[in-house]
Amino acid sequence: MDHHDGFREFVLARQQALMRTAYLLTGDAHLAEDLLQSVLIKVAGQWGKLSRGGNPEAYTRKALVNQYISWRRRPRPELPSAEVPERAATGDDATLDRIVLRQALAKLGPRQRAVIVLRFWEDLTEAQAAEVLGCSVGTVKSQTHHALTRLRTIAPELAHLLNDPEIVEVSR
C-alpha cells in the first residue's frame, strides 16, 4: 500500500475549490498557484496520518490560511499590484463588482481577509472559521465585523453587496 494512496484523488477532486480559496486569499492567480503548491507539498507529507482518520480538506484549508498569513508577514521584494489595469469600455455590473471587491480585499489585513474569505466564499460557520484560523469564535465575530466595516469604508460602491441582510446580521 502506497503512503500516498488517495492523495492524487483528493487533489483532483478538491483542486478547483482549494485554488479558488488560495486566489481569494492572495488576489493573484500566480501567487495562488504558488501558495496551493507549497501547501499541497506539506499535505502530501502528512497524507498517511490524514487519510487514516483526519480531515484532509479542513487540514489543507487551514494550511492555506496559515501559509498565506505567514507569507504576508515576511517582507517581499516584489508585491503584486492592487491596481487593476484600465477597464474595458464595456463590462457588466457583476464584473465591476468583482474588480472593486478584489481591490478592497487587498487592502484588508491578512487575518481580516482570511475571515471574509472563509465566512462568505467558503461559507464556513463561525465555529468552522475559528477552527481553521486557530482562534476563538469571538475573534472570528470581531474580525468579521471590523473587516466588513473597513470594506464599507474603502469601497462604498459595494454597499449593495455589503448591505445584504445575511451579511448585515453577521457583522453585528
Protein backbone atom coordinates (compact mmCIF):
# COMPACT_ATOMS: atom_id res chain seq x y z
CA MET A 1 0.00 0.00 0.00
CA ASP A 2 1.43 3.35 -1.08
CA HIS A 3 1.88 6.03 1.60
CA HIS A 4 0.12 8.49 -0.72
CA ASP A 5 -2.90 6.36 -1.67
CA GLY A 6 -5.82 8.66 -2.15
CA PHE A 7 -3.76 11.86 -2.27
CA ARG A 8 -3.95 12.16 -6.04
CA GLU A 9 -7.72 11.56 -5.94
CA PHE A 10 -8.11 14.17 -3.19
CA VAL A 11 -6.16 16.75 -5.19
CA LEU A 12 -8.10 16.03 -8.39
CA ALA A 13 -11.44 16.25 -6.58
CA ARG A 14 -10.71 19.38 -4.50
CA GLN A 15 -8.14 21.27 -6.58
CA GLN A 16 -10.54 23.84 -8.03
CA ALA A 17 -12.11 24.68 -4.67
CA LEU A 18 -8.70 24.92 -2.99
CA MET A 19 -7.36 27.06 -5.85
CA ARG A 20 -10.35 29.39 -5.50
CA THR A 21 -9.62 29.80 -1.79
CA ALA A 22 -5.93 30.43 -2.49
CA TYR A 23 -6.83 33.01 -5.14
CA LEU A 24 -9.27 34.81 -2.87
CA LEU A 25 -6.60 34.96 -0.18
CA THR A 26 -3.80 36.20 -2.42
CA GLY A 27 -5.70 38.13 -5.04
CA ASP A 28 -3.25 36.94 -7.68
CA ALA A 29 -3.50 33.78 -9.80
CA HIS A 30 0.24 33.10 -9.85
CA LEU A 31 0.66 33.60 -6.10
CA ALA A 32 -2.39 31.41 -5.55
CA GLU A 33 -0.77 28.62 -7.56
CA ASP A 34 2.44 29.00 -5.55
CA LEU A 35 0.51 29.02 -2.28
CA LEU A 36 -1.52 25.94 -3.16
CA GLN A 37 1.54 24.08 -4.43
CA SER A 38 3.54 24.77 -1.27
CA VAL A 39 0.62 23.67 0.90
CA LEU A 40 -0.02 20.51 -1.11
CA ILE A 41 3.62 19.52 -0.62
CA LYS A 42 3.06 19.73 3.14
CA VAL A 43 -0.24 17.85 2.88
CA ALA A 44 1.43 15.09 0.88
CA GLY A 45 3.93 14.69 3.73
CA GLN A 46 1.09 14.29 6.22
CA TRP A 47 -1.16 12.23 3.96
CA GLY A 48 -0.69 8.92 5.77
CA LYS A 49 -1.94 10.41 9.02
CA LEU A 50 -4.68 12.46 7.35
CA SER A 51 -6.04 9.54 5.36
CA ARG A 52 -6.34 7.38 8.50
CA GLY A 53 -8.91 9.48 10.27
CA GLY A 54 -8.06 13.11 9.76
CA ASN A 55 -9.98 15.63 7.74
CA PRO A 56 -7.74 16.32 4.72
CA GLU A 57 -9.82 19.20 3.37
CA ALA A 58 -10.01 21.03 6.70
CA TYR A 59 -6.28 20.47 7.25
CA THR A 60 -5.49 21.77 3.76
CA ARG A 61 -7.73 24.83 4.14
CA LYS A 62 -6.12 25.67 7.49
CA ALA A 63 -2.66 25.20 5.98
CA LEU A 64 -3.60 27.58 3.11
CA VAL A 65 -4.66 30.29 5.55
CA ASN A 66 -1.62 29.82 7.79
CA GLN A 67 0.82 29.82 4.86
CA TYR A 68 -0.86 32.91 3.38
CA ILE A 69 -0.62 34.78 6.69
CA SER A 70 3.00 33.67 7.06
CA TRP A 71 3.81 34.95 3.57
CA ARG A 72 2.19 38.28 4.32
CA ARG A 73 4.34 38.73 7.44
CA ARG A 74 7.60 38.31 5.54
CA PRO A 75 8.90 41.28 3.60
CA ARG A 76 8.76 40.55 -0.10
CA PRO A 77 10.96 42.26 -2.64
CA GLU A 78 8.13 42.35 -5.14
CA LEU A 79 4.42 42.57 -4.40
CA PRO A 80 1.59 42.24 -6.86
CA SER A 81 -0.15 45.50 -7.62
CA ALA A 82 -3.59 46.03 -6.20
CA GLU A 83 -4.28 48.31 -9.14
CA VAL A 84 -6.32 46.80 -11.92
CA PRO A 85 -5.30 47.58 -15.49
CA GLU A 86 -7.50 50.03 -17.33
CA ARG A 87 -11.03 48.75 -17.53
CA ALA A 88 -12.59 47.81 -20.80
CA ALA A 89 -15.19 50.21 -22.16
CA THR A 90 -17.87 47.60 -21.63
CA GLY A 91 -18.46 45.36 -18.68
CA ASP A 92 -21.36 44.22 -16.65
CA ASP A 93 -22.01 45.28 -13.08
CA ALA A 94 -21.02 41.89 -11.65
CA THR A 95 -17.61 42.10 -13.30
CA LEU A 96 -17.04 45.62 -11.98
CA ASP A 97 -18.15 44.50 -8.51
CA ARG A 98 -15.61 41.66 -8.59
CA ILE A 99 -12.82 44.04 -9.59
CA VAL A 100 -13.69 46.56 -6.88
CA LEU A 101 -14.12 43.78 -4.31
CA ARG A 102 -10.73 42.29 -5.22
CA GLN A 103 -9.11 45.72 -4.77
CA ALA A 104 -10.89 46.25 -1.45
CA LEU A 105 -9.92 42.79 -0.16
CA ALA A 106 -6.29 43.57 -0.99
CA LYS A 107 -6.46 46.49 1.44
CA LEU A 108 -7.52 44.30 4.37
CA GLY A 109 -5.00 42.75 6.72
CA PRO A 110 -4.31 39.05 6.20
CA ARG A 111 -6.45 37.83 9.14
CA GLN A 112 -9.41 40.01 8.19
CA ARG A 113 -9.14 38.93 4.58
CA ALA A 114 -8.94 35.28 5.65
CA VAL A 115 -12.07 35.68 7.81
CA ILE A 116 -14.03 37.23 4.94
CA VAL A 117 -12.92 34.52 2.50
CA LEU A 118 -13.71 31.69 4.92
CA ARG A 119 -17.07 33.07 6.07
CA PHE A 120 -18.51 34.35 2.80
CA TRP A 121 -16.79 32.46 -0.04
CA GLU A 122 -16.14 29.17 1.66
CA ASP A 123 -19.44 29.55 3.57
CA LEU A 124 -17.94 28.27 6.81
CA THR A 125 -19.73 28.80 10.10
CA GLU A 126 -18.11 31.00 12.73
CA ALA A 127 -17.02 27.87 14.61
CA GLN A 128 -15.51 26.30 11.48
CA ALA A 129 -13.67 29.52 10.59
CA ALA A 130 -12.38 29.75 14.16
CA GLU A 131 -11.05 26.21 13.90
CA VAL A 132 -9.30 26.94 10.59
CA LEU A 133 -7.80 30.17 11.96
CA GLY A 134 -6.90 28.67 15.33
CA CYS A 135 -8.77 31.32 17.29
CA SER A 136 -11.99 31.75 19.25
CA VAL A 137 -15.44 32.23 17.77
CA GLY A 138 -15.48 35.66 19.40
CA THR A 139 -12.34 36.61 17.49
CA VAL A 140 -13.95 35.48 14.23
CA LYS A 141 -17.02 37.59 15.04
CA SER A 142 -15.00 40.69 15.85
CA GLN A 143 -12.65 40.25 12.86
CA THR A 144 -15.67 39.82 10.58
CA HIS A 145 -17.31 42.94 11.99
CA HIS A 146 -14.13 45.01 11.64
CA ALA A 147 -13.40 43.67 8.14
CA LEU A 148 -16.92 44.44 6.90
CA THR A 149 -16.77 47.91 8.46
CA ARG A 150 -13.45 48.53 6.71
CA LEU A 151 -14.82 47.23 3.41
CA ARG A 152 -17.77 49.61 3.73
CA THR A 153 -15.33 52.48 4.27
CA ILE A 154 -12.83 51.69 1.50
CA ALA A 155 -15.40 50.52 -1.07
CA PRO A 156 -18.68 52.35 -0.55
CA GLU A 157 -19.60 51.46 -4.13
CA LEU A 158 -20.09 47.88 -2.89
CA ALA A 159 -22.78 48.93 -0.40
CA HIS A 160 -25.40 46.96 -2.32
CA LEU A 161 -23.36 43.78 -1.68
CA LEU A 162 -22.38 44.60 1.89
CA ASN A 163 -25.93 45.56 2.88
CA ASP A 164 -27.25 42.08 2.13
CA PRO A 165 -29.39 41.13 5.19
CA GLU A 166 -27.28 37.99 5.79
CA ILE A 167 -24.04 39.99 5.81
CA VAL A 168 -25.54 42.75 7.96
CA GLU A 169 -26.63 40.14 10.53
CA VAL A 170 -23.17 38.56 10.57
CA SER A 171 -21.42 41.88 11.10
CA ARG A 172 -23.39 42.72 14.24
